[in-house]
Amino acid sequence: MSEKRTETFKRNALLEELLYGLNGDLQPSEKKLVEKYAGQTMSQPLILVMGPLRSGTTLFTQWLANTGLFAYPTNLLSRFYQAPILGAKIQLLLTDPRFNFRDELGEFVQQAEYKSENGKTKGVLAPNEFWYFWRRFLADPTRDVWLNDELKQSMDVQTMKAELVGMMDVFQKPFAAKGMLFNYNIPFLDTVLDKAIFVQIKRDPLMNIQSVLGARERQLGSCEAWYSFEIPEKQELMKLSAIEQAAGQVASINKAVEEGLQGVAEDRKLVVQYEDFCASPEHYFNKLMSCMYQQGVKIEANYLGRTQFSCKNNFHMSECEASLAKNIYRKIFMG
């Protein structure tokens, strides 16, 4: 992702330095926990939310968090990106009501709100994108684009799986997280994960494209600047106008996810249309529970969440812009 961010979205250098040192200090203990969980199979599925930026992935992740049925990377847990099993234990100590002795730490007990800004949430227990965690297992964590064969040869899958199993053991719940860093690598992940559900989030293309342009302006100060992960098509897309870039970005990712899911078993994937999800979250709750049941995990729980969400599709493109976006999207997606 570009580092030319607007002031609001700039990284905190002091925080980055502190977390780097803290995680290094915790490494010896984390390594012992990794050894404990190494080689164990997943008893619970990993739910990975896939799809384009600005498609509704943050809302869906917040919704999963608020069901109370899934563990997920919180803003607190994300700070332990090199020691997530220890981080999970620390999070339980600080935030789980069972361990809140005489309300000593009551301010930590909170529910994730349905608020975010370009995917960034606020609150100790609000979902975090967890990119620092995922990048640890890549041979070159500065890259965004990987071939499946490259990951097969170089990714530290064993440590990644051990830490995922460890976190699920600590929380005693399935683990749900965004996986969009690997939108182009679903076939690889499908082969290495014992239990998994790939959730594809789709949004009306024009609304998605329009939202991408708005996010570029907010985070980078210009709709001309590339926003989010690099993709294989980026070099060619950057030769086009901003609206064509955004259309091509959304189309390319949607195409990659759809193609990647073609070889995935039906009980390991779920397609979620953003607009339909906003109208009826319970419908997708039932479908997700069905996927989990087919993988041998039965959760006895009734749906107690929201009956609907406000669909943030406020169209304001001109007719000319919409036509241009549609043409590029169709050309790339169908090509």
C-alpha atoms as a PDB file:
ATOM      1  CA  MET A   1       0.000   0.000   0.000  1.00  0.00           C
ATOM      2  CA  SER A   2       1.251   3.503  -0.742  1.00  0.00           C
ATOM      3  CA  GLU A   3       2.882   5.349   2.145  1.00  0.00           C
ATOM      4  CA  LYS A   4       1.854   8.766   0.793  1.00  0.00           C
ATOM      5  CA  ARG A   5      -1.058   8.974   3.190  1.00  0.00           C
ATOM      6  CA  THR A   6      -3.011  11.986   4.324  1.00  0.00           C
ATOM      7  CA  GLU A   7      -2.355  13.147   7.883  1.00  0.00           C
ATOM      8  CA  THR A   8      -5.342  11.257   9.327  1.00  0.00           C
ATOM      9  CA  PHE A   9      -4.098   7.911   8.016  1.00  0.00           C
ATOM     10  CA  LYS A  10      -0.354   8.201   8.672  1.00  0.00           C
ATOM     11  CA  ARG A  11       1.262   5.498  10.764  1.00  0.00           C
ATOM     12  CA  ASN A  12       2.394   6.233  14.326  1.00  0.00           C
ATOM     13  CA  ALA A  13       6.165   5.706  14.203  1.00  0.00           C
ATOM     14  CA  LEU A  14       6.564   5.610  17.984  1.00  0.00           C
ATOM     15  CA  LEU A  15       3.845   2.969  18.280  1.00  0.00           C
ATOM     16  CA  GLU A  16       5.420   0.898  15.501  1.00  0.00           C
ATOM     17  CA  GLU A  17       8.779   0.977  17.311  1.00  0.00           C
ATOM     18  CA  LEU A  18       7.252   0.024  20.667  1.00  0.00           C
ATOM     19  CA  LEU A  19       5.271  -2.879  19.188  1.00  0.00           C
ATOM     20  CA  TYR A  20       8.287  -4.170  17.294  1.00  0.00           C
ATOM     21  CA  GLY A  21      10.309  -4.306  20.511  1.00  0.00           C
ATOM     22  CA  LEU A  22       7.467  -5.775  22.564  1.00  0.00           C
ATOM     23  CA  ASN A  23       6.801  -8.540  20.068  1.00  0.00           C
ATOM     24  CA  GLY A  24      10.501  -9.355  19.943  1.00  0.00           C
ATOM     25  CA  ASP A  25      10.573  -9.660  23.743  1.00  0.00           C
ATOM     26  CA  LEU A  26       7.629 -12.081  23.646  1.00  0.00           C
ATOM     27  CA  GLN A  27       9.076 -14.299  20.913  1.00  0.00           C
ATOM     28  CA  PRO A  28      10.823 -16.887  23.145  1.00  0.00           C
ATOM     29  CA  SER A  29       7.573 -17.688  24.962  1.00  0.00           C
ATOM     30  CA  GLU A  30       5.528 -17.646  21.746  1.00  0.00           C
ATOM     31  CA  LYS A  31       7.927 -20.128  20.132  1.00  0.00           C
ATOM     32  CA  LYS A  32       7.223 -22.617  22.927  1.00  0.00           C
ATOM     33  CA  LEU A  33       3.487 -22.266  22.292  1.00  0.00           C
ATOM     34  CA  VAL A  34       4.020 -22.725  18.547  1.00  0.00           C
ATOM     35  CA  GLU A  35       5.897 -25.952  19.286  1.00  0.00           C
ATOM     36  CA  LYS A  36       2.960 -27.099  21.422  1.00  0.00           C
ATOM     37  CA  TYR A  37       0.424 -26.604  18.605  1.00  0.00           C
ATOM     38  CA  ALA A  38       2.675 -27.545  15.663  1.00  0.00           C
ATOM     39  CA  GLY A  39       1.215 -30.330  13.570  1.00  0.00           C
ATOM     40  CA  GLN A  40      -2.217 -30.208  15.188  1.00  0.00           C
ATOM     41  CA  THR A  41      -5.202 -30.126  12.844  1.00  0.00           C
ATOM     42  CA  MET A  42      -7.841 -27.455  13.085  1.00  0.00           C
ATOM     43  CA  SER A  43     -10.841 -28.535  15.127  1.00  0.00           C
ATOM     44  CA  GLN A  44     -12.635 -25.317  14.146  1.00  0.00           C
ATOM     45  CA  PRO A  45     -12.812 -23.671  10.716  1.00  0.00           C
ATOM     46  CA  LEU A  46     -10.955 -20.532   9.744  1.00  0.00           C
ATOM     47  CA  ILE A  47     -13.403 -18.108   8.131  1.00  0.00           C
ATOM     48  CA  LEU A  48     -11.614 -15.944   5.571  1.00  0.00           C
ATOM     49  CA  VAL A  49     -13.420 -12.902   4.168  1.00  0.00           C
ATOM     50  CA  MET A  50     -12.361 -12.306   0.564  1.00  0.00           C
ATOM     51  CA  GLY A  51     -13.218  -9.758  -2.110  1.00  0.00           C
ATOM     52  CA  PRO A  52     -12.428  -6.236  -3.328  1.00  0.00           C
ATOM     53  CA  LEU A  53     -11.717  -3.254  -1.150  1.00  0.00           C
ATOM     54  CA  ARG A  54     -14.822  -1.180  -0.328  1.00  0.00           C
ATOM     55  CA  SER A  55     -17.174  -4.091  -0.987  1.00  0.00           C
ATOM     56  CA  GLY A  56     -18.522  -4.534   2.543  1.00  0.00           C
ATOM     57  CA  THR A  57     -15.816  -6.764   4.031  1.00  0.00           C
ATOM     58  CA  THR A  58     -15.445  -4.607   7.153  1.00  0.00           C
ATOM     59  CA  LEU A  59     -19.185  -4.590   7.858  1.00  0.00           C
ATOM     60  CA  PHE A  60     -19.344  -8.362   7.429  1.00  0.00           C
ATOM     61  CA  THR A  61     -16.363  -8.863   9.771  1.00  0.00           C
ATOM     62  CA  GLN A  62     -17.916  -6.556  12.384  1.00  0.00           C
ATOM     63  CA  TRP A  63     -21.139  -8.528  12.097  1.00  0.00           C
ATOM     64  CA  LEU A  64     -19.307 -11.815  12.631  1.00  0.00           C
ATOM     65  CA  ALA A  65     -17.617 -10.304  15.690  1.00  0.00           C
ATOM     66  CA  ASN A  66     -20.892  -9.153  17.194  1.00  0.00           C
ATOM     67  CA  THR A  67     -22.505 -12.587  16.949  1.00  0.00           C
ATOM     68  CA  GLY A  68     -20.203 -13.599  19.802  1.00  0.00           C
ATOM     69  CA  LEU A  69     -19.682 -16.967  18.116  1.00  0.00           C
ATOM     70  CA  PHE A  70     -16.316 -16.265  16.481  1.00  0.00           C
ATOM     71  CA  ALA A  71     -12.899 -15.195  17.625  1.00  0.00           C
ATOM     72  CA  TYR A  72     -11.359 -12.551  15.382  1.00  0.00           C
ATOM     73  CA  PRO A  73      -8.345 -10.221  15.232  1.00  0.00           C
ATOM     74  CA  THR A  74      -9.158  -7.224  17.409  1.00  0.00           C
ATOM     75  CA  ASN A  75      -7.300  -3.939  17.590  1.00  0.00           C
ATOM     76  CA  LEU A  76      -5.778  -5.265  20.828  1.00  0.00           C
ATOM     77  CA  LEU A  77      -4.797  -8.678  19.470  1.00  0.00           C
ATOM     78  CA  SER A  78      -3.291  -7.138  16.332  1.00  0.00           C
ATOM     79  CA  ARG A  79      -0.629  -5.479  18.482  1.00  0.00           C
ATOM     80  CA  PHE A  80       0.729  -8.929  19.263  1.00  0.00           C
ATOM     81  CA  TYR A  81       1.244  -9.778  15.593  1.00  0.00           C
ATOM     82  CA  GLN A  82       4.409 -11.812  16.308  1.00  0.00           C
ATOM     83  CA  ALA A  83       2.991 -13.426  19.450  1.00  0.00           C
ATOM     84  CA  PRO A  84      -0.733 -13.888  18.755  1.00  0.00           C
ATOM     85  CA  ILE A  85      -1.277 -16.892  21.039  1.00  0.00           C
ATOM     86  CA  LEU A  86       0.109 -14.930  23.986  1.00  0.00           C
ATOM     87  CA  GLY A  87      -1.873 -11.931  22.736  1.00  0.00           C
ATOM     88  CA  ALA A  88      -5.050 -14.015  22.789  1.00  0.00           C
ATOM     89  CA  LYS A  89      -4.430 -14.942  26.423  1.00  0.00           C
ATOM     90  CA  ILE A  90      -3.755 -11.310  27.339  1.00  0.00           C
ATOM     91  CA  GLN A  91      -6.931 -10.249  25.556  1.00  0.00           C
ATOM     92  CA  LEU A  92      -8.983 -12.795  27.519  1.00  0.00           C
ATOM     93  CA  LEU A  93      -7.458 -11.546  30.770  1.00  0.00           C
ATOM     94  CA  LEU A  94      -8.259  -7.914  30.001  1.00  0.00           C
ATOM     95  CA  THR A  95     -11.604  -8.140  28.218  1.00  0.00           C
ATOM     96  CA  ASP A  96     -13.479 -11.353  29.017  1.00  0.00           C
ATOM     97  CA  PRO A  97     -16.244 -10.668  31.585  1.00  0.00           C
ATOM     98  CA  ARG A  98     -15.431 -13.999  33.276  1.00  0.00           C
ATOM     99  CA  PHE A  99     -12.102 -12.569  34.414  1.00  0.00           C
ATOM    100  CA  ASN A 100     -13.296  -9.063  35.297  1.00  0.00           C
ATOM    101  CA  PHE A 101     -12.857  -9.292  39.055  1.00  0.00           C
ATOM    102  CA  ARG A 102     -15.087  -6.721  40.806  1.00  0.00           C
ATOM    103  CA  ASP A 103     -15.131  -4.586  37.642  1.00  0.00           C
ATOM    104  CA  GLU A 104     -11.419  -3.749  37.898  1.00  0.00           C
ATOM    105  CA  LEU A 105     -11.112  -3.795  34.106  1.00  0.00           C
ATOM    106  CA  GLY A 106     -14.710  -3.038  33.178  1.00  0.00           C
ATOM    107  CA  GLU A 107     -13.779  -0.360  30.652  1.00  0.00           C
ATOM    108  CA  PHE A 108     -12.332  -3.047  28.376  1.00  0.00           C
ATOM    109  CA  VAL A 109     -15.587  -5.002  28.142  1.00  0.00           C
ATOM    110  CA  GLN A 110     -17.306  -3.649  25.058  1.00  0.00           C
ATOM    111  CA  GLN A 111     -18.976  -4.679  21.847  1.00  0.00           C
ATOM    112  CA  ALA A 112     -17.602  -3.903  18.402  1.00  0.00           C
ATOM    113  CA  GLU A 113     -19.467  -0.963  16.876  1.00  0.00           C
ATOM    114  CA  TYR A 114     -20.532  -0.806  13.256  1.00  0.00           C
ATOM    115  CA  LYS A 115     -18.251   2.109  12.468  1.00  0.00           C
ATOM    116  CA  SER A 116     -15.096   2.300  10.374  1.00  0.00           C
ATOM    117  CA  GLU A 117     -13.090   4.639   8.166  1.00  0.00           C
ATOM    118  CA  ASN A 118     -11.438   3.049   5.129  1.00  0.00           C
ATOM    119  CA  GLY A 119     -11.546  -0.280   6.978  1.00  0.00           C
ATOM    120  CA  LYS A 120     -10.039   1.139  10.189  1.00  0.00           C
ATOM    121  CA  THR A 121     -12.127   0.590  13.300  1.00  0.00           C
ATOM    122  CA  LYS A 122     -12.063   2.097  16.786  1.00  0.00           C
ATOM    123  CA  GLY A 123     -12.177   0.271  20.097  1.00  0.00           C
ATOM    124  CA  VAL A 124     -10.193  -2.408  21.925  1.00  0.00           C
ATOM    125  CA  LEU A 125     -12.374  -5.248  20.648  1.00  0.00           C
ATOM    126  CA  ALA A 126     -13.197  -3.833  17.211  1.00  0.00           C
ATOM    127  CA  PRO A 127     -12.017  -6.018  14.285  1.00  0.00           C
ATOM    128  CA  ASN A 128      -8.589  -5.321  12.868  1.00  0.00           C
ATOM    129  CA  GLU A 129      -7.345  -6.196   9.400  1.00  0.00           C
ATOM    130  CA  PHE A 130      -4.387  -8.150  10.880  1.00  0.00           C
ATOM    131  CA  TRP A 131      -2.110  -7.589   7.879  1.00  0.00           C
ATOM    132  CA  TYR A 132       1.066  -7.548   9.997  1.00  0.00           C
ATOM    133  CA  PHE A 133       0.242 -11.065  11.197  1.00  0.00           C
ATOM    134  CA  TRP A 134      -0.329 -12.517   7.717  1.00  0.00           C
ATOM    135  CA  ARG A 135       2.755 -10.863   6.234  1.00  0.00           C
ATOM    136  CA  ARG A 136       5.028 -12.534   8.805  1.00  0.00           C
ATOM    137  CA  PHE A 137       4.724 -15.834   6.992  1.00  0.00           C
ATOM    138  CA  LEU A 138       5.712 -14.506   3.556  1.00  0.00           C
ATOM    139  CA  ALA A 139       9.272 -14.783   2.290  1.00  0.00           C
ATOM    140  CA  ASP A 140       9.165 -11.093   1.311  1.00  0.00           C
ATOM    141  CA  PRO A 141       6.534  -9.297   3.446  1.00  0.00           C
ATOM    142  CA  THR A 142       6.836  -6.120   1.360  1.00  0.00           C
ATOM    143  CA  ARG A 143       5.245  -7.792  -1.679  1.00  0.00           C
ATOM    144  CA  ASP A 144       1.504  -8.004  -2.326  1.00  0.00           C
ATOM    145  CA  VAL A 145       1.510 -10.246  -5.391  1.00  0.00           C
ATOM    146  CA  TRP A 146       2.312 -13.944  -5.087  1.00  0.00           C
ATOM    147  CA  LEU A 147       1.853 -16.907  -7.387  1.00  0.00           C
ATOM    148  CA  ASN A 148       0.348 -19.967  -5.726  1.00  0.00           C
ATOM    149  CA  ASP A 149       3.466 -21.991  -6.544  1.00  0.00           C
ATOM    150  CA  GLU A 150       5.650 -19.345  -4.902  1.00  0.00           C
ATOM    151  CA  LEU A 151       3.651 -19.540  -1.693  1.00  0.00           C
ATOM    152  CA  LYS A 152       3.798 -23.331  -1.771  1.00  0.00           C
ATOM    153  CA  GLN A 153       7.593 -23.171  -1.827  1.00  0.00           C
ATOM    154  CA  SER A 154       8.269 -20.245   0.505  1.00  0.00           C
ATOM    155  CA  MET A 155       5.385 -19.495   2.899  1.00  0.00           C
ATOM    156  CA  ASP A 156       5.831 -20.561   6.536  1.00  0.00           C
ATOM    157  CA  VAL A 157       2.562 -22.489   6.596  1.00  0.00           C
ATOM    158  CA  GLN A 158       3.418 -24.599   9.638  1.00  0.00           C
ATOM    159  CA  THR A 159       3.925 -21.629  11.977  1.00  0.00           C
ATOM    160  CA  MET A 160       0.862 -19.881  10.575  1.00  0.00           C
ATOM    161  CA  LYS A 161      -1.336 -22.940  11.152  1.00  0.00           C
ATOM    162  CA  ALA A 162       0.094 -23.542  14.634  1.00  0.00           C
ATOM    163  CA  GLU A 163      -0.705 -19.972  15.667  1.00  0.00           C
ATOM    164  CA  LEU A 164      -4.199 -20.132  14.199  1.00  0.00           C
ATOM    165  CA  VAL A 165      -4.851 -23.408  16.033  1.00  0.00           C
ATOM    166  CA  GLY A 166      -3.415 -21.872  19.200  1.00  0.00           C
ATOM    167  CA  MET A 167      -5.637 -18.801  19.031  1.00  0.00           C
ATOM    168  CA  MET A 168      -8.717 -20.936  18.414  1.00  0.00           C
ATOM    169  CA  ASP A 169      -7.747 -23.100  21.389  1.00  0.00           C
ATOM    170  CA  VAL A 170      -7.396 -20.058  23.654  1.00  0.00           C
ATOM    171  CA  PHE A 171     -10.697 -18.534  22.554  1.00  0.00           C
ATOM    172  CA  GLN A 172     -12.472 -21.899  22.105  1.00  0.00           C
ATOM    173  CA  LYS A 173     -14.138 -20.544  18.970  1.00  0.00           C
ATOM    174  CA  PRO A 174     -13.691 -20.587  15.182  1.00  0.00           C
ATOM    175  CA  PHE A 175     -11.484 -17.736  13.969  1.00  0.00           C
ATOM    176  CA  ALA A 176     -12.735 -15.208  11.393  1.00  0.00           C
ATOM    177  CA  ALA A 177     -10.536 -12.675   9.611  1.00  0.00           C
ATOM    178  CA  LYS A 178     -10.111 -10.706   6.425  1.00  0.00           C
ATOM    179  CA  GLY A 179      -8.023 -12.587   3.894  1.00  0.00           C
ATOM    180  CA  MET A 180      -7.958 -10.138   0.995  1.00  0.00           C
ATOM    181  CA  LEU A 181      -4.160 -10.094   0.907  1.00  0.00           C
ATOM    182  CA  PHE A 182      -4.613 -13.569  -0.629  1.00  0.00           C
ATOM    183  CA  ASN A 183      -7.481 -12.834  -3.039  1.00  0.00           C
ATOM    184  CA  TYR A 184      -5.346 -14.318  -5.818  1.00  0.00           C
ATOM    185  CA  ASN A 185      -4.195 -17.325  -3.779  1.00  0.00           C
ATOM    186  CA  ILE A 186      -7.402 -19.112  -2.775  1.00  0.00           C
ATOM    187  CA  PRO A 187      -6.378 -22.408  -4.459  1.00  0.00           C
ATOM    188  CA  PHE A 188      -3.187 -22.473  -2.384  1.00  0.00           C
ATOM    189  CA  LEU A 189      -4.958 -21.704   0.905  1.00  0.00           C
ATOM    190  CA  ASP A 190      -7.610 -24.291   0.133  1.00  0.00           C
ATOM    191  CA  THR A 191      -4.943 -26.981  -0.031  1.00  0.00           C
ATOM    192  CA  VAL A 192      -3.127 -26.079   3.222  1.00  0.00           C
ATOM    193  CA  LEU A 193      -6.036 -25.288   5.574  1.00  0.00           C
ATOM    194  CA  ASP A 194      -7.686 -28.290   7.270  1.00  0.00           C
ATOM    195  CA  LYS A 195     -10.973 -26.515   7.893  1.00  0.00           C
ATOM    196  CA  ALA A 196     -11.859 -23.277   6.124  1.00  0.00           C
ATOM    197  CA  ILE A 197     -14.763 -21.249   4.814  1.00  0.00           C
ATOM    198  CA  PHE A 198     -13.991 -18.686   2.126  1.00  0.00           C
ATOM    199  CA  VAL A 199     -16.574 -15.903   2.223  1.00  0.00           C
ATOM    200  CA  GLN A 200     -16.711 -13.931  -1.012  1.00  0.00           C
ATOM    201  CA  ILE A 201     -18.159 -10.444  -0.553  1.00  0.00           C
ATOM    202  CA  LYS A 202     -19.637  -8.895  -3.711  1.00  0.00           C
ATOM    203  CA  ARG A 203     -21.123  -5.435  -4.151  1.00  0.00           C
ATOM    204  CA  ASP A 204     -22.888  -3.709  -7.026  1.00  0.00           C
ATOM    205  CA  PRO A 205     -19.881  -2.902  -9.266  1.00  0.00           C
ATOM    206  CA  LEU A 206     -20.690   0.775  -9.819  1.00  0.00           C
ATOM    207  CA  MET A 207     -21.188   1.347  -6.093  1.00  0.00           C
ATOM    208  CA  ASN A 208     -17.959  -0.501  -5.380  1.00  0.00           C
ATOM    209  CA  ILE A 209     -16.013   1.533  -7.951  1.00  0.00           C
ATOM    210  CA  GLN A 210     -17.433   4.799  -6.660  1.00  0.00           C
ATOM    211  CA  SER A 211     -16.467   3.842  -3.106  1.00  0.00           C
ATOM    212  CA  VAL A 212     -12.905   3.005  -4.168  1.00  0.00           C
ATOM    213  CA  LEU A 213     -12.497   6.485  -5.661  1.00  0.00           C
ATOM    214  CA  GLY A 214     -13.769   8.064  -2.443  1.00  0.00           C
ATOM    215  CA  ALA A 215     -11.358   6.007  -0.341  1.00  0.00           C
ATOM    216  CA  ARG A 216      -8.445   7.067  -2.543  1.00  0.00           C
ATOM    217  CA  GLU A 217      -9.303  10.710  -1.993  1.00  0.00           C
ATOM    218  CA  ARG A 218      -9.648  10.328   1.795  1.00  0.00           C
ATOM    219  CA  GLN A 219      -6.568   8.242   2.431  1.00  0.00           C
ATOM    220  CA  LEU A 220      -4.143   9.492  -0.203  1.00  0.00           C
ATOM    221  CA  GLY A 221      -5.477  12.934  -1.068  1.00  0.00           C
ATOM    222  CA  SER A 222      -6.103  12.090  -4.724  1.00  0.00           C
ATOM    223  CA  CYS A 223      -8.397   9.758  -6.632  1.00  0.00           C
ATOM    224  CA  GLU A 224      -5.521   9.260  -9.083  1.00  0.00           C
ATOM    225  CA  ALA A 225      -3.361   7.420  -6.508  1.00  0.00           C
ATOM    226  CA  TRP A 226      -3.476   3.636  -6.146  1.00  0.00           C
ATOM    227  CA  TYR A 227      -5.154   2.503  -2.920  1.00  0.00           C
ATOM    228  CA  SER A 228      -4.997  -0.916  -1.225  1.00  0.00           C
ATOM    229  CA  PHE A 229      -2.914  -3.946  -2.139  1.00  0.00           C
ATOM    230  CA  GLU A 230      -1.091  -4.136  -5.415  1.00  0.00           C
ATOM    231  CA  ILE A 231      -2.501  -6.674  -7.852  1.00  0.00           C
ATOM    232  CA  PRO A 232      -0.961  -8.289 -10.954  1.00  0.00           C
ATOM    233  CA  GLU A 233      -2.952  -5.953 -13.218  1.00  0.00           C
ATOM    234  CA  LYS A 234      -1.839  -2.738 -11.501  1.00  0.00           C
ATOM    235  CA  GLN A 235       0.877  -1.721 -13.968  1.00  0.00           C
ATOM    236  CA  GLU A 236      -1.504  -1.791 -16.925  1.00  0.00           C
ATOM    237  CA  LEU A 237      -4.380  -0.198 -14.995  1.00  0.00           C
ATOM    238  CA  MET A 238      -2.249   2.786 -13.938  1.00  0.00           C
ATOM    239  CA  LYS A 239      -2.037   3.826 -17.587  1.00  0.00           C
ATOM    240  CA  LEU A 240      -5.777   4.555 -17.506  1.00  0.00           C
ATOM    241  CA  SER A 241      -7.910   7.304 -15.980  1.00  0.00           C
ATOM    242  CA  ALA A 242      -8.791   7.145 -12.281  1.00  0.00           C
ATOM    243  CA  ILE A 243     -12.295   5.827 -12.837  1.00  0.00           C
ATOM    244  CA  GLU A 244     -10.988   3.173 -15.252  1.00  0.00           C
ATOM    245  CA  GLN A 245      -8.320   2.187 -12.737  1.00  0.00           C
ATOM    246  CA  ALA A 246     -10.912   1.726  -9.990  1.00  0.00           C
ATOM    247  CA  ALA A 247     -13.216  -0.222 -12.314  1.00  0.00           C
ATOM    248  CA  GLY A 248     -10.360  -2.457 -13.413  1.00  0.00           C
ATOM    249  CA  GLN A 249      -9.209  -2.971  -9.838  1.00  0.00           C
ATOM    250  CA  VAL A 250     -12.633  -4.130  -8.667  1.00  0.00           C
ATOM    251  CA  ALA A 251     -13.207  -6.265 -11.781  1.00  0.00           C
ATOM    252  CA  SER A 252      -9.787  -7.932 -11.564  1.00  0.00           C
ATOM    253  CA  ILE A 253     -10.215  -8.861  -7.903  1.00  0.00           C
ATOM    254  CA  ASN A 254     -13.759 -10.145  -8.392  1.00  0.00           C
ATOM    255  CA  LYS A 255     -12.562 -12.248 -11.308  1.00  0.00           C
ATOM    256  CA  ALA A 256      -9.599 -13.641  -9.345  1.00  0.00           C
ATOM    257  CA  VAL A 257     -11.777 -14.581  -6.363  1.00  0.00           C
ATOM    258  CA  GLU A 258     -14.442 -16.221  -8.538  1.00  0.00           C
ATOM    259  CA  GLU A 259     -11.846 -18.207 -10.461  1.00  0.00           C
ATOM    260  CA  GLY A 260     -10.078 -19.168  -7.239  1.00  0.00           C
ATOM    261  CA  LEU A 261     -13.288 -20.470  -5.710  1.00  0.00           C
ATOM    262  CA  GLN A 262     -14.187 -22.669  -8.672  1.00  0.00           C
ATOM    263  CA  GLY A 263     -12.160 -25.575  -7.326  1.00  0.00           C
ATOM    264  CA  VAL A 264     -13.226 -25.126  -3.701  1.00  0.00           C
ATOM    265  CA  ALA A 265     -15.759 -27.580  -2.233  1.00  0.00           C
ATOM    266  CA  GLU A 266     -19.267 -26.188  -1.775  1.00  0.00           C
ATOM    267  CA  ASP A 267     -19.170 -26.539   2.021  1.00  0.00           C
ATOM    268  CA  ARG A 268     -15.982 -24.454   2.137  1.00  0.00           C
ATOM    269  CA  LYS A 269     -17.300 -21.330   0.392  1.00  0.00           C
ATOM    270  CA  LEU A 270     -20.082 -18.803   0.792  1.00  0.00           C
ATOM    271  CA  VAL A 271     -20.966 -15.989  -1.616  1.00  0.00           C
ATOM    272  CA  VAL A 272     -22.401 -12.896   0.092  1.00  0.00           C
ATOM    273  CA  GLN A 273     -23.998 -10.124  -1.943  1.00  0.00           C
ATOM    274  CA  TYR A 274     -23.550  -6.928   0.077  1.00  0.00           C
ATOM    275  CA  GLU A 275     -26.962  -5.479  -0.779  1.00  0.00           C
ATOM    276  CA  ASP A 276     -28.744  -8.734   0.101  1.00  0.00           C
ATOM    277  CA  PHE A 277     -26.742  -9.076   3.302  1.00  0.00           C
ATOM    278  CA  CYS A 278     -27.840  -5.601   4.408  1.00  0.00           C
ATOM    279  CA  ALA A 279     -31.465  -6.576   3.769  1.00  0.00           C
ATOM    280  CA  SER A 280     -31.292  -9.923   5.592  1.00  0.00           C
ATOM    281  CA  PRO A 281     -28.202 -10.765   7.689  1.00  0.00           C
ATOM    282  CA  GLU A 282     -30.004 -13.723   9.267  1.00  0.00           C
ATOM    283  CA  HIS A 283     -30.203 -15.439   5.870  1.00  0.00           C
ATOM    284  CA  TYR A 284     -26.406 -15.467   5.636  1.00  0.00           C
ATOM    285  CA  PHE A 285     -26.066 -16.471   9.278  1.00  0.00           C
ATOM    286  CA  ASN A 286     -28.029 -19.628   8.510  1.00  0.00           C
ATOM    287  CA  LYS A 287     -25.972 -20.335   5.388  1.00  0.00           C
ATOM    288  CA  LEU A 288     -22.730 -19.906   7.343  1.00  0.00           C
ATOM    289  CA  MET A 289     -23.945 -22.219  10.101  1.00  0.00           C
ATOM    290  CA  SER A 290     -24.804 -24.779   7.413  1.00  0.00           C
ATOM    291  CA  CYS A 291     -21.273 -24.609   5.976  1.00  0.00           C
ATOM    292  CA  MET A 292     -19.817 -25.137   9.430  1.00  0.00           C
ATOM    293  CA  TYR A 293     -22.153 -28.042  10.151  1.00  0.00           C
ATOM    294  CA  GLN A 294     -21.064 -29.740   6.923  1.00  0.00           C
ATOM    295  CA  GLN A 295     -17.481 -29.485   8.175  1.00  0.00           C
ATOM    296  CA  GLY A 296     -18.403 -31.229  11.417  1.00  0.00           C
ATOM    297  CA  VAL A 297     -18.817 -28.133  13.575  1.00  0.00           C
ATOM    298  CA  LYS A 298     -22.277 -27.609  15.021  1.00  0.00           C
ATOM    299  CA  ILE A 299     -22.986 -24.373  16.890  1.00  0.00           C
ATOM    300  CA  GLU A 300     -26.166 -24.382  18.935  1.00  0.00           C
ATOM    301  CA  ALA A 301     -27.204 -20.747  18.679  1.00  0.00           C
ATOM    302  CA  ASN A 302     -30.186 -18.760  17.518  1.00  0.00           C
ATOM    303  CA  TYR A 303     -29.646 -15.606  15.503  1.00  0.00           C
ATOM    304  CA  LEU A 304     -29.829 -12.597  17.826  1.00  0.00           C
ATOM    305  CA  GLY A 305     -28.187  -9.956  15.649  1.00  0.00           C
ATOM    306  CA  ARG A 306     -29.550  -7.092  13.607  1.00  0.00           C
ATOM    307  CA  THR A 307     -32.417  -7.760  11.264  1.00  0.00           C
ATOM    308  CA  GLN A 308     -30.972  -5.410   8.638  1.00  0.00           C
ATOM    309  CA  PHE A 309     -28.310  -2.797   7.922  1.00  0.00           C
ATOM    310  CA  SER A 310     -28.435   0.485   6.090  1.00  0.00           C
ATOM    311  CA  CYS A 311     -27.161  -0.131   2.565  1.00  0.00           C
ATOM    312  CA  LYS A 312     -24.684   2.655   1.783  1.00  0.00           C
ATOM    313  CA  ASN A 313     -25.232   2.737  -1.949  1.00  0.00           C
ATOM    314  CA  ASN A 314     -25.691   6.435  -2.691  1.00  0.00           C
ATOM    315  CA  PHE A 315     -25.039   6.761  -6.407  1.00  0.00           C
ATOM    316  CA  HIS A 316     -23.609  10.066  -7.608  1.00  0.00           C
ATOM    317  CA  MET A 317     -21.655   9.262 -10.773  1.00  0.00           C
ATOM    318  CA  SER A 318     -22.514  11.090 -13.953  1.00  0.00           C
ATOM    319  CA  GLU A 319     -24.010   9.081 -16.828  1.00  0.00           C
ATOM    320  CA  CYS A 320     -20.746   9.387 -18.744  1.00  0.00           C
ATOM    321  CA  GLU A 321     -18.656   8.187 -15.764  1.00  0.00           C
ATOM    322  CA  ALA A 322     -21.007   5.269 -15.128  1.00  0.00           C
ATOM    323  CA  SER A 323     -20.840   4.202 -18.769  1.00  0.00           C
ATOM    324  CA  LEU A 324     -17.038   4.342 -18.769  1.00  0.00           C
ATOM    325  CA  ALA A 325     -16.832   2.346 -15.521  1.00  0.00           C
ATOM    326  CA  LYS A 326     -19.276  -0.291 -16.777  1.00  0.00           C
ATOM    327  CA  ASN A 327     -17.394  -0.784 -20.038  1.00  0.00           C
ATOM    328  CA  ILE A 328     -14.011  -1.262 -18.371  1.00  0.00           C
ATOM    329  CA  TYR A 329     -15.470  -3.519 -15.698  1.00  0.00           C
ATOM    330  CA  ARG A 330     -17.169  -5.781 -18.245  1.00  0.00           C
ATOM    331  CA  LYS A 331     -14.115  -5.876 -20.484  1.00  0.00           C
ATOM    332  CA  ILE A 332     -11.827  -7.030 -17.672  1.00  0.00           C
ATOM    333  CA  PHE A 333     -14.241  -9.252 -15.776  1.00  0.00           C
ATOM    334  CA  MET A 334     -15.472 -11.046 -18.882  1.00  0.00           C
ATOM    335  CA  GLY A 335     -12.112 -11.041 -20.666  1.00  0.00           C
END
